[in-house]
Amino acid sequence: MTADGAGVPEAAAAGGPKAFEPRLLAFCCNWCAYAGADLAGVSRVQYPTNVRIVRVMCSGRVDPVHIISAFRKGADGVLVAGCHPGDCHYINGNDSTKVRVMFLKGLLEKAGLDPERLRLEWVAGSEGAKFGTVIMEMVDTLRRLGPLDLGLDREADDRIGNKGGGGGNAGGEGA
């Protein structure tokens, strides 16, 4: 920390190594969790900017392949947020989500990854403050866990961050 306690690590303030900032990808159901994220924004709820939100019609539509792909493309953590149980606009989509996420947490653990990197939350459209809290808690957890090392070059492979892009080599191999 700085001498005045401003919250900037001394190494970063002195031009030292950049502090780790985790990349979080959040799949949010359109009807509840995305509305909660929107409410957090219009209410000016403060939460880290480390999150990239993907709006899906229902959390039940988040395929395990999408979650694994997010990790492979550089996400340090994935949040799946949907309607509270019993409030799903598609009757039981969030029931499917719960089963899939529990399965994937077990799979992550067997692969040697901390299952805390994947989180499932129920967030209503009226819970903007809860959405902000969930993001803060997850970013803190990911900071504690450190970067997910799958052999990716975090500087060169920035598909999750602001630079965007789907990756791939449009010019062909070696172009």
N, C-alpha and C. Protein backbone atom coordinates (compact mmCIF):
# COMPACT_ATOMS: atom_id res chain seq x y z
N MET A 1 0.84 -1.18 0.00
CA MET A 1 0.00 0.00 0.00
C MET A 1 0.88 1.24 0.00
N THR A 2 0.31 2.34 -0.44
CA THR A 2 1.05 3.59 -0.43
C THR A 2 1.12 4.12 1.00
N ALA A 3 2.00 5.08 1.20
CA ALA A 3 2.18 5.65 2.53
C ALA A 3 0.88 6.30 3.03
N ASP A 4 0.10 6.87 2.11
CA ASP A 4 -1.14 7.51 2.54
C ASP A 4 -2.31 6.54 2.60
N GLY A 5 -2.05 5.25 2.30
CA GLY A 5 -3.09 4.23 2.40
C GLY A 5 -4.14 4.33 1.31
N ALA A 6 -3.79 4.92 0.17
CA ALA A 6 -4.76 5.14 -0.90
C ALA A 6 -5.21 3.86 -1.59
N GLY A 7 -4.56 2.76 -1.34
CA GLY A 7 -5.02 1.49 -1.89
C GLY A 7 -4.26 1.06 -3.13
N VAL A 8 -3.30 1.83 -3.61
CA VAL A 8 -2.51 1.44 -4.76
C VAL A 8 -1.26 0.74 -4.23
N PRO A 9 -1.03 -0.51 -4.64
CA PRO A 9 0.16 -1.20 -4.15
C PRO A 9 1.42 -0.42 -4.52
N GLU A 10 2.39 -0.40 -3.59
CA GLU A 10 3.62 0.36 -3.82
C GLU A 10 4.35 -0.07 -5.08
N ALA A 11 4.39 -1.37 -5.35
CA ALA A 11 5.11 -1.85 -6.54
C ALA A 11 4.48 -1.29 -7.80
N ALA A 12 3.14 -1.25 -7.88
CA ALA A 12 2.48 -0.73 -9.06
C ALA A 12 2.67 0.77 -9.16
N ALA A 13 2.63 1.48 -8.01
CA ALA A 13 2.79 2.93 -8.02
C ALA A 13 4.20 3.31 -8.43
N ALA A 14 5.19 2.48 -8.12
CA ALA A 14 6.58 2.78 -8.43
C ALA A 14 6.98 2.26 -9.81
N GLY A 15 6.02 1.84 -10.59
CA GLY A 15 6.33 1.33 -11.92
C GLY A 15 6.80 -0.12 -11.89
N GLY A 16 6.60 -0.80 -10.78
CA GLY A 16 7.01 -2.20 -10.63
C GLY A 16 6.07 -3.12 -11.38
N PRO A 17 6.12 -4.40 -11.06
CA PRO A 17 5.27 -5.35 -11.74
C PRO A 17 3.79 -5.02 -11.53
N LYS A 18 3.03 -5.22 -12.60
CA LYS A 18 1.60 -4.93 -12.55
C LYS A 18 0.90 -5.96 -11.67
N ALA A 19 0.01 -5.48 -10.80
CA ALA A 19 -0.74 -6.38 -9.91
C ALA A 19 -1.69 -7.23 -10.75
N PHE A 20 -1.91 -8.45 -10.30
CA PHE A 20 -2.81 -9.36 -11.00
C PHE A 20 -4.24 -8.86 -10.90
N GLU A 21 -4.89 -8.73 -12.03
CA GLU A 21 -6.30 -8.39 -12.10
C GLU A 21 -7.01 -9.52 -12.83
N PRO A 22 -7.83 -10.28 -12.12
CA PRO A 22 -8.47 -11.45 -12.73
C PRO A 22 -9.48 -11.08 -13.80
N ARG A 23 -9.66 -11.99 -14.72
CA ARG A 23 -10.65 -11.85 -15.79
C ARG A 23 -11.85 -12.71 -15.42
N LEU A 24 -13.00 -12.10 -15.32
CA LEU A 24 -14.22 -12.80 -14.93
C LEU A 24 -15.24 -12.69 -16.05
N LEU A 25 -15.78 -13.82 -16.45
CA LEU A 25 -16.83 -13.85 -17.45
C LEU A 25 -18.12 -14.26 -16.75
N ALA A 26 -19.18 -13.48 -16.95
CA ALA A 26 -20.47 -13.75 -16.30
C ALA A 26 -21.53 -14.03 -17.35
N PHE A 27 -22.14 -15.20 -17.27
CA PHE A 27 -23.30 -15.53 -18.10
C PHE A 27 -24.53 -15.16 -17.28
N CYS A 28 -25.30 -14.19 -17.74
CA CYS A 28 -26.45 -13.69 -16.99
C CYS A 28 -27.74 -13.92 -17.76
N CYS A 29 -28.73 -14.48 -17.09
CA CYS A 29 -30.02 -14.69 -17.72
C CYS A 29 -30.67 -13.33 -18.00
N ASN A 30 -31.31 -13.23 -19.14
CA ASN A 30 -31.90 -11.99 -19.61
C ASN A 30 -32.93 -11.43 -18.63
N TRP A 31 -33.73 -12.28 -18.04
CA TRP A 31 -34.92 -11.83 -17.31
C TRP A 31 -34.62 -11.38 -15.90
N CYS A 32 -33.63 -11.95 -15.26
CA CYS A 32 -33.37 -11.61 -13.87
C CYS A 32 -31.95 -11.09 -13.65
N ALA A 33 -30.95 -11.93 -13.84
CA ALA A 33 -29.58 -11.54 -13.50
C ALA A 33 -29.09 -10.37 -14.35
N TYR A 34 -29.40 -10.37 -15.65
CA TYR A 34 -28.96 -9.25 -16.50
C TYR A 34 -29.69 -7.97 -16.08
N ALA A 35 -30.97 -8.12 -15.73
CA ALA A 35 -31.72 -6.96 -15.23
C ALA A 35 -31.11 -6.48 -13.91
N GLY A 36 -30.65 -7.40 -13.07
CA GLY A 36 -29.97 -7.02 -11.83
C GLY A 36 -28.67 -6.28 -12.11
N ALA A 37 -27.93 -6.74 -13.11
CA ALA A 37 -26.69 -6.06 -13.50
C ALA A 37 -27.00 -4.66 -14.03
N ASP A 38 -28.07 -4.56 -14.80
CA ASP A 38 -28.49 -3.26 -15.33
C ASP A 38 -28.88 -2.32 -14.19
N LEU A 39 -29.63 -2.84 -13.22
CA LEU A 39 -30.01 -2.03 -12.07
C LEU A 39 -28.77 -1.59 -11.28
N ALA A 40 -27.79 -2.46 -11.15
CA ALA A 40 -26.55 -2.09 -10.48
C ALA A 40 -25.90 -0.91 -11.20
N GLY A 41 -25.94 -0.94 -12.52
CA GLY A 41 -25.35 0.15 -13.30
C GLY A 41 -26.10 1.46 -13.14
N VAL A 42 -27.41 1.43 -13.30
CA VAL A 42 -28.17 2.69 -13.21
C VAL A 42 -28.22 3.21 -11.78
N SER A 43 -28.03 2.31 -10.80
CA SER A 43 -28.00 2.73 -9.39
C SER A 43 -26.60 3.14 -8.96
N ARG A 44 -25.66 3.05 -9.87
CA ARG A 44 -24.26 3.40 -9.63
C ARG A 44 -23.64 2.58 -8.49
N VAL A 45 -24.03 1.31 -8.44
CA VAL A 45 -23.43 0.39 -7.48
C VAL A 45 -21.98 0.16 -7.92
N GLN A 46 -21.05 0.31 -7.01
CA GLN A 46 -19.64 0.16 -7.32
C GLN A 46 -19.23 -1.30 -7.24
N TYR A 47 -18.66 -1.81 -8.33
CA TYR A 47 -18.07 -3.14 -8.32
C TYR A 47 -16.94 -3.15 -9.33
N PRO A 48 -16.02 -4.10 -9.22
CA PRO A 48 -14.85 -4.13 -10.10
C PRO A 48 -15.24 -4.23 -11.57
N THR A 49 -14.40 -3.67 -12.40
CA THR A 49 -14.65 -3.69 -13.85
C THR A 49 -14.03 -4.92 -14.51
N ASN A 50 -13.65 -5.89 -13.71
CA ASN A 50 -13.00 -7.10 -14.22
C ASN A 50 -13.97 -8.05 -14.90
N VAL A 51 -15.23 -7.74 -14.90
CA VAL A 51 -16.25 -8.67 -15.40
C VAL A 51 -16.67 -8.29 -16.82
N ARG A 52 -16.87 -9.32 -17.63
CA ARG A 52 -17.48 -9.17 -18.95
C ARG A 52 -18.75 -9.98 -18.91
N ILE A 53 -19.86 -9.34 -19.24
CA ILE A 53 -21.16 -9.98 -19.13
C ILE A 53 -21.64 -10.47 -20.49
N VAL A 54 -22.12 -11.72 -20.49
CA VAL A 54 -22.74 -12.30 -21.68
C VAL A 54 -24.20 -12.54 -21.31
N ARG A 55 -25.11 -11.88 -22.03
CA ARG A 55 -26.53 -12.06 -21.77
C ARG A 55 -27.04 -13.28 -22.52
N VAL A 56 -27.68 -14.16 -21.78
CA VAL A 56 -28.29 -15.36 -22.37
C VAL A 56 -29.77 -15.32 -22.01
N MET A 57 -30.61 -15.93 -22.81
CA MET A 57 -32.04 -15.88 -22.52
C MET A 57 -32.38 -16.59 -21.23
N CYS A 58 -31.65 -17.66 -20.92
CA CYS A 58 -31.90 -18.42 -19.69
C CYS A 58 -30.57 -19.03 -19.25
N SER A 59 -30.34 -19.05 -17.95
CA SER A 59 -29.11 -19.67 -17.46
C SER A 59 -29.05 -21.14 -17.85
N GLY A 60 -30.21 -21.75 -18.09
CA GLY A 60 -30.27 -23.15 -18.52
C GLY A 60 -29.71 -23.36 -19.91
N ARG A 61 -29.51 -22.28 -20.66
CA ARG A 61 -28.95 -22.38 -22.01
C ARG A 61 -27.42 -22.31 -22.02
N VAL A 62 -26.81 -22.13 -20.86
CA VAL A 62 -25.34 -22.07 -20.79
C VAL A 62 -24.82 -23.49 -20.82
N ASP A 63 -24.24 -23.84 -21.94
CA ASP A 63 -23.71 -25.19 -22.13
C ASP A 63 -22.36 -25.32 -21.41
N PRO A 64 -22.08 -26.46 -20.83
CA PRO A 64 -20.77 -26.65 -20.19
C PRO A 64 -19.60 -26.35 -21.13
N VAL A 65 -19.79 -26.55 -22.41
CA VAL A 65 -18.72 -26.24 -23.38
C VAL A 65 -18.40 -24.75 -23.36
N HIS A 66 -19.41 -23.89 -23.17
CA HIS A 66 -19.17 -22.45 -23.11
C HIS A 66 -18.31 -22.09 -21.90
N ILE A 67 -18.56 -22.75 -20.79
CA ILE A 67 -17.81 -22.46 -19.57
C ILE A 67 -16.36 -22.93 -19.72
N ILE A 68 -16.17 -24.13 -20.22
CA ILE A 68 -14.81 -24.64 -20.42
C ILE A 68 -14.07 -23.79 -21.45
N SER A 69 -14.77 -23.37 -22.49
CA SER A 69 -14.17 -22.50 -23.51
C SER A 69 -13.72 -21.17 -22.91
N ALA A 70 -14.51 -20.62 -22.00
CA ALA A 70 -14.13 -19.36 -21.36
C ALA A 70 -12.81 -19.52 -20.60
N PHE A 71 -12.66 -20.62 -19.88
CA PHE A 71 -11.41 -20.87 -19.17
C PHE A 71 -10.25 -21.04 -20.16
N ARG A 72 -10.49 -21.78 -21.23
CA ARG A 72 -9.43 -22.02 -22.22
C ARG A 72 -9.01 -20.73 -22.91
N LYS A 73 -9.92 -19.77 -23.03
CA LYS A 73 -9.61 -18.51 -23.71
C LYS A 73 -9.12 -17.42 -22.78
N GLY A 74 -8.86 -17.76 -21.52
CA GLY A 74 -8.20 -16.81 -20.63
C GLY A 74 -8.99 -16.31 -19.44
N ALA A 75 -10.22 -16.74 -19.25
CA ALA A 75 -10.96 -16.30 -18.06
C ALA A 75 -10.37 -16.97 -16.82
N ASP A 76 -10.22 -16.20 -15.76
CA ASP A 76 -9.76 -16.76 -14.49
C ASP A 76 -10.91 -17.32 -13.68
N GLY A 77 -12.12 -16.86 -14.00
CA GLY A 77 -13.30 -17.33 -13.31
C GLY A 77 -14.53 -17.13 -14.17
N VAL A 78 -15.55 -17.93 -13.89
CA VAL A 78 -16.82 -17.84 -14.62
C VAL A 78 -17.96 -17.81 -13.60
N LEU A 79 -18.85 -16.87 -13.82
CA LEU A 79 -20.06 -16.76 -13.01
C LEU A 79 -21.25 -17.08 -13.90
N VAL A 80 -22.14 -17.93 -13.40
CA VAL A 80 -23.41 -18.19 -14.07
C VAL A 80 -24.47 -17.65 -13.13
N ALA A 81 -25.26 -16.69 -13.61
CA ALA A 81 -26.27 -16.05 -12.77
C ALA A 81 -27.63 -16.18 -13.43
N GLY A 82 -28.59 -16.63 -12.66
CA GLY A 82 -29.93 -16.84 -13.20
C GLY A 82 -31.01 -16.44 -12.22
N CYS A 83 -32.24 -16.72 -12.59
CA CYS A 83 -33.41 -16.43 -11.77
C CYS A 83 -33.39 -17.29 -10.51
N HIS A 84 -34.01 -16.79 -9.47
CA HIS A 84 -34.14 -17.58 -8.25
C HIS A 84 -34.97 -18.84 -8.54
N PRO A 85 -34.70 -19.94 -7.84
CA PRO A 85 -35.49 -21.16 -8.04
C PRO A 85 -36.99 -20.87 -7.89
N GLY A 86 -37.75 -21.39 -8.83
CA GLY A 86 -39.18 -21.16 -8.84
C GLY A 86 -39.60 -19.94 -9.63
N ASP A 87 -38.64 -19.08 -10.00
CA ASP A 87 -38.95 -17.85 -10.74
C ASP A 87 -38.47 -17.87 -12.17
N CYS A 88 -37.99 -19.02 -12.65
CA CYS A 88 -37.46 -19.11 -14.01
C CYS A 88 -38.57 -18.83 -15.03
N HIS A 89 -38.29 -17.94 -15.96
CA HIS A 89 -39.25 -17.61 -17.01
C HIS A 89 -39.46 -18.77 -17.98
N TYR A 90 -38.58 -19.74 -17.93
CA TYR A 90 -38.69 -20.93 -18.79
C TYR A 90 -38.95 -22.16 -17.93
N ILE A 91 -39.68 -21.99 -16.87
CA ILE A 91 -40.16 -23.01 -15.95
C ILE A 91 -39.05 -23.61 -15.08
N ASN A 92 -38.12 -24.37 -15.68
CA ASN A 92 -37.12 -25.06 -14.86
C ASN A 92 -35.70 -24.96 -15.42
N GLY A 93 -35.42 -23.92 -16.17
CA GLY A 93 -34.07 -23.75 -16.73
C GLY A 93 -33.01 -23.67 -15.67
N ASN A 94 -33.32 -22.99 -14.56
CA ASN A 94 -32.31 -22.85 -13.52
C ASN A 94 -32.05 -24.17 -12.78
N ASP A 95 -33.01 -25.10 -12.83
CA ASP A 95 -32.76 -26.43 -12.26
C ASP A 95 -31.67 -27.15 -13.07
N SER A 96 -31.76 -27.04 -14.40
CA SER A 96 -30.73 -27.63 -15.27
C SER A 96 -29.38 -26.98 -15.02
N THR A 97 -29.40 -25.66 -14.81
CA THR A 97 -28.16 -24.93 -14.56
C THR A 97 -27.47 -25.44 -13.31
N LYS A 98 -28.24 -25.63 -12.25
CA LYS A 98 -27.67 -26.09 -10.99
C LYS A 98 -26.98 -27.44 -11.16
N VAL A 99 -27.63 -28.36 -11.86
CA VAL A 99 -27.05 -29.69 -12.09
C VAL A 99 -25.76 -29.57 -12.90
N ARG A 100 -25.78 -28.76 -13.96
CA ARG A 100 -24.59 -28.61 -14.82
C ARG A 100 -23.42 -27.99 -14.07
N VAL A 101 -23.70 -26.94 -13.30
CA VAL A 101 -22.61 -26.27 -12.58
C VAL A 101 -22.01 -27.19 -11.52
N MET A 102 -22.84 -27.93 -10.82
CA MET A 102 -22.31 -28.87 -9.82
C MET A 102 -21.44 -29.93 -10.50
N PHE A 103 -21.88 -30.42 -11.66
CA PHE A 103 -21.09 -31.39 -12.42
C PHE A 103 -19.74 -30.78 -12.83
N LEU A 104 -19.79 -29.54 -13.35
CA LEU A 104 -18.56 -28.89 -13.81
C LEU A 104 -17.61 -28.59 -12.66
N LYS A 105 -18.12 -28.24 -11.50
CA LYS A 105 -17.25 -28.00 -10.35
C LYS A 105 -16.47 -29.28 -10.00
N GLY A 106 -17.15 -30.42 -10.05
CA GLY A 106 -16.47 -31.69 -9.82
C GLY A 106 -15.44 -31.98 -10.89
N LEU A 107 -15.77 -31.67 -12.12
CA LEU A 107 -14.86 -31.88 -13.24
C LEU A 107 -13.62 -30.99 -13.10
N LEU A 108 -13.83 -29.73 -12.72
CA LEU A 108 -12.70 -28.82 -12.52
C LEU A 108 -11.77 -29.35 -11.43
N GLU A 109 -12.37 -29.83 -10.36
CA GLU A 109 -11.55 -30.35 -9.26
C GLU A 109 -10.73 -31.55 -9.70
N LYS A 110 -11.35 -32.46 -10.47
CA LYS A 110 -10.61 -33.63 -10.97
C LYS A 110 -9.49 -33.22 -11.92
N ALA A 111 -9.67 -32.08 -12.61
CA ALA A 111 -8.65 -31.59 -13.53
C ALA A 111 -7.56 -30.79 -12.80
N GLY A 112 -7.70 -30.67 -11.46
CA GLY A 112 -6.69 -29.96 -10.69
C GLY A 112 -6.93 -28.47 -10.57
N LEU A 113 -8.11 -28.00 -10.93
CA LEU A 113 -8.44 -26.58 -10.83
C LEU A 113 -9.36 -26.37 -9.63
N ASP A 114 -9.24 -25.21 -9.01
CA ASP A 114 -10.08 -24.92 -7.85
C ASP A 114 -11.52 -24.68 -8.30
N PRO A 115 -12.47 -25.43 -7.76
CA PRO A 115 -13.87 -25.26 -8.16
C PRO A 115 -14.45 -23.90 -7.81
N GLU A 116 -13.76 -23.13 -6.95
CA GLU A 116 -14.22 -21.78 -6.64
C GLU A 116 -14.13 -20.84 -7.84
N ARG A 117 -13.45 -21.27 -8.88
CA ARG A 117 -13.35 -20.45 -10.09
C ARG A 117 -14.67 -20.41 -10.87
N LEU A 118 -15.56 -21.30 -10.52
CA LEU A 118 -16.88 -21.35 -11.14
C LEU A 118 -17.91 -21.12 -10.04
N ARG A 119 -18.81 -20.18 -10.29
CA ARG A 119 -19.80 -19.84 -9.26
C ARG A 119 -21.18 -19.73 -9.89
N LEU A 120 -22.17 -20.19 -9.16
CA LEU A 120 -23.57 -20.09 -9.56
C LEU A 120 -24.28 -19.20 -8.55
N GLU A 121 -25.02 -18.21 -9.05
CA GLU A 121 -25.77 -17.31 -8.17
C GLU A 121 -27.15 -17.06 -8.73
N TRP A 122 -28.10 -16.89 -7.84
CA TRP A 122 -29.46 -16.51 -8.23
C TRP A 122 -29.60 -15.03 -7.92
N VAL A 123 -29.88 -14.23 -8.95
CA VAL A 123 -30.00 -12.78 -8.80
C VAL A 123 -31.28 -12.32 -9.48
N ALA A 124 -32.16 -11.69 -8.73
CA ALA A 124 -33.40 -11.16 -9.29
C ALA A 124 -33.14 -9.80 -9.95
N GLY A 125 -34.05 -9.39 -10.79
CA GLY A 125 -33.93 -8.10 -11.46
C GLY A 125 -33.91 -6.93 -10.49
N SER A 126 -34.44 -7.12 -9.31
CA SER A 126 -34.47 -6.05 -8.31
C SER A 126 -33.26 -6.07 -7.37
N GLU A 127 -32.31 -6.96 -7.63
CA GLU A 127 -31.16 -7.13 -6.74
C GLU A 127 -29.86 -6.60 -7.34
N GLY A 128 -29.88 -5.33 -7.70
CA GLY A 128 -28.67 -4.71 -8.24
C GLY A 128 -27.53 -4.70 -7.25
N ALA A 129 -27.82 -4.40 -5.99
CA ALA A 129 -26.78 -4.37 -4.96
C ALA A 129 -26.19 -5.77 -4.77
N LYS A 130 -27.04 -6.81 -4.82
CA LYS A 130 -26.54 -8.17 -4.69
C LYS A 130 -25.62 -8.51 -5.85
N PHE A 131 -25.98 -8.10 -7.06
CA PHE A 131 -25.13 -8.36 -8.22
C PHE A 131 -23.74 -7.77 -7.99
N GLY A 132 -23.69 -6.52 -7.53
CA GLY A 132 -22.41 -5.88 -7.25
C GLY A 132 -21.61 -6.61 -6.20
N THR A 133 -22.28 -7.06 -5.16
CA THR A 133 -21.61 -7.81 -4.08
C THR A 133 -21.05 -9.13 -4.60
N VAL A 134 -21.83 -9.83 -5.41
CA VAL A 134 -21.37 -11.12 -5.97
C VAL A 134 -20.11 -10.91 -6.81
N ILE A 135 -20.11 -9.86 -7.64
CA ILE A 135 -18.92 -9.59 -8.48
C ILE A 135 -17.72 -9.27 -7.59
N MET A 136 -17.91 -8.43 -6.58
CA MET A 136 -16.80 -8.10 -5.67
C MET A 136 -16.25 -9.34 -4.98
N GLU A 137 -17.15 -10.18 -4.48
CA GLU A 137 -16.71 -11.40 -3.80
C GLU A 137 -15.96 -12.33 -4.75
N MET A 138 -16.46 -12.45 -5.96
CA MET A 138 -15.82 -13.37 -6.90
C MET A 138 -14.45 -12.85 -7.33
N VAL A 139 -14.34 -11.55 -7.59
CA VAL A 139 -13.04 -10.97 -7.95
C VAL A 139 -12.05 -11.13 -6.80
N ASP A 140 -12.51 -10.92 -5.56
CA ASP A 140 -11.63 -11.13 -4.40
C ASP A 140 -11.16 -12.58 -4.32
N THR A 141 -12.08 -13.51 -4.55
CA THR A 141 -11.72 -14.94 -4.54
C THR A 141 -10.69 -15.23 -5.61
N LEU A 142 -10.88 -14.69 -6.81
CA LEU A 142 -9.94 -14.94 -7.92
C LEU A 142 -8.59 -14.31 -7.65
N ARG A 143 -8.57 -13.15 -7.02
CA ARG A 143 -7.29 -12.54 -6.65
C ARG A 143 -6.54 -13.44 -5.67
N ARG A 144 -7.29 -14.00 -4.72
CA ARG A 144 -6.68 -14.90 -3.74
C ARG A 144 -6.13 -16.16 -4.41
N LEU A 145 -6.88 -16.69 -5.39
CA LEU A 145 -6.45 -17.91 -6.09
C LEU A 145 -5.31 -17.65 -7.06
N GLY A 146 -5.20 -16.43 -7.56
CA GLY A 146 -4.17 -16.09 -8.52
C GLY A 146 -4.59 -16.43 -9.94
N PRO A 147 -3.73 -16.13 -10.91
CA PRO A 147 -4.08 -16.37 -12.30
C PRO A 147 -4.27 -17.86 -12.59
N LEU A 148 -5.19 -18.15 -13.47
CA LEU A 148 -5.40 -19.52 -13.92
C LEU A 148 -4.33 -19.81 -14.96
N ASP A 149 -3.46 -20.74 -14.66
CA ASP A 149 -2.36 -21.04 -15.56
C ASP A 149 -2.67 -22.29 -16.37
N LEU A 150 -3.10 -22.05 -17.60
CA LEU A 150 -3.33 -23.16 -18.53
C LEU A 150 -2.31 -23.11 -19.66
N GLY A 151 -1.19 -22.43 -19.40
CA GLY A 151 -0.15 -22.31 -20.41
C GLY A 151 -0.43 -21.21 -21.42
N LEU A 152 -1.33 -20.28 -21.08
CA LEU A 152 -1.65 -19.18 -21.98
C LEU A 152 -0.74 -18.00 -21.72
N ASP A 153 -0.43 -17.25 -22.75
CA ASP A 153 0.32 -16.02 -22.61
C ASP A 153 -0.70 -14.91 -22.38
N ARG A 154 -0.81 -14.42 -21.15
CA ARG A 154 -1.85 -13.45 -20.79
C ARG A 154 -1.71 -12.15 -21.55
N GLU A 155 -0.49 -11.76 -21.91
CA GLU A 155 -0.31 -10.51 -22.64
C GLU A 155 -0.71 -10.65 -24.10
N ALA A 156 -0.32 -11.74 -24.73
CA ALA A 156 -0.58 -11.91 -26.16
C ALA A 156 -2.00 -12.41 -26.43
N ASP A 157 -2.57 -13.16 -25.52
CA ASP A 157 -3.87 -13.78 -25.73
C ASP A 157 -4.92 -13.07 -24.91
N ASP A 158 -5.40 -11.92 -25.40
CA ASP A 158 -6.30 -11.06 -24.64
C ASP A 158 -7.71 -11.12 -25.20
N ARG A 159 -8.27 -12.32 -25.30
CA ARG A 159 -9.59 -12.48 -25.90
C ARG A 159 -10.72 -12.12 -24.96
N ILE A 160 -10.48 -12.16 -23.66
CA ILE A 160 -11.54 -11.87 -22.70
C ILE A 160 -11.57 -10.39 -22.36
N GLY A 161 -10.46 -9.71 -22.43
CA GLY A 161 -10.37 -8.30 -22.03
C GLY A 161 -10.94 -7.34 -23.06
N ASN A 162 -10.63 -6.06 -22.90
CA ASN A 162 -11.20 -5.01 -23.73
C ASN A 162 -10.81 -5.08 -25.19
N LYS A 163 -9.70 -5.71 -25.52
CA LYS A 163 -9.25 -5.73 -26.90
C LYS A 163 -10.13 -6.61 -27.77
N GLY A 164 -10.91 -7.49 -27.12
CA GLY A 164 -11.91 -8.30 -27.82
C GLY A 164 -11.32 -9.16 -28.92
N GLY A 165 -12.19 -9.58 -29.80
CA GLY A 165 -11.74 -10.42 -30.91
C GLY A 165 -11.94 -11.87 -30.59
N GLY A 166 -12.17 -12.63 -31.61
CA GLY A 166 -12.43 -14.05 -31.43
C GLY A 166 -11.20 -14.89 -31.52
N GLY A 167 -10.03 -14.25 -31.67
CA GLY A 167 -8.82 -15.04 -31.81
C GLY A 167 -8.69 -15.56 -33.21
N GLY A 168 -7.84 -16.49 -33.40
CA GLY A 168 -7.65 -17.06 -34.73
C GLY A 168 -6.63 -16.22 -35.50
N ASN A 169 -6.11 -16.81 -36.54
CA ASN A 169 -5.11 -16.16 -37.37
C ASN A 169 -5.69 -15.95 -38.74
N ALA A 170 -6.22 -14.75 -39.00
CA ALA A 170 -6.89 -14.48 -40.26
C ALA A 170 -5.93 -14.55 -41.44
N GLY A 171 -4.66 -14.30 -41.20
CA GLY A 171 -3.70 -14.29 -42.28
C GLY A 171 -3.13 -15.67 -42.60
N GLY A 172 -3.56 -16.67 -41.91
CA GLY A 172 -3.01 -18.01 -42.13
C GLY A 172 -1.78 -18.23 -41.28
N GLU A 173 -1.29 -19.42 -41.25
CA GLU A 173 -0.14 -19.78 -40.43
C GLU A 173 1.09 -19.07 -40.94
N GLY A 174 1.76 -18.35 -40.02
CA GLY A 174 3.01 -17.69 -40.35
C GLY A 174 2.86 -16.40 -41.13
N ALA A 175 1.65 -15.93 -41.34
CA ALA A 175 1.45 -14.71 -42.13
C ALA A 175 1.73 -13.47 -41.33
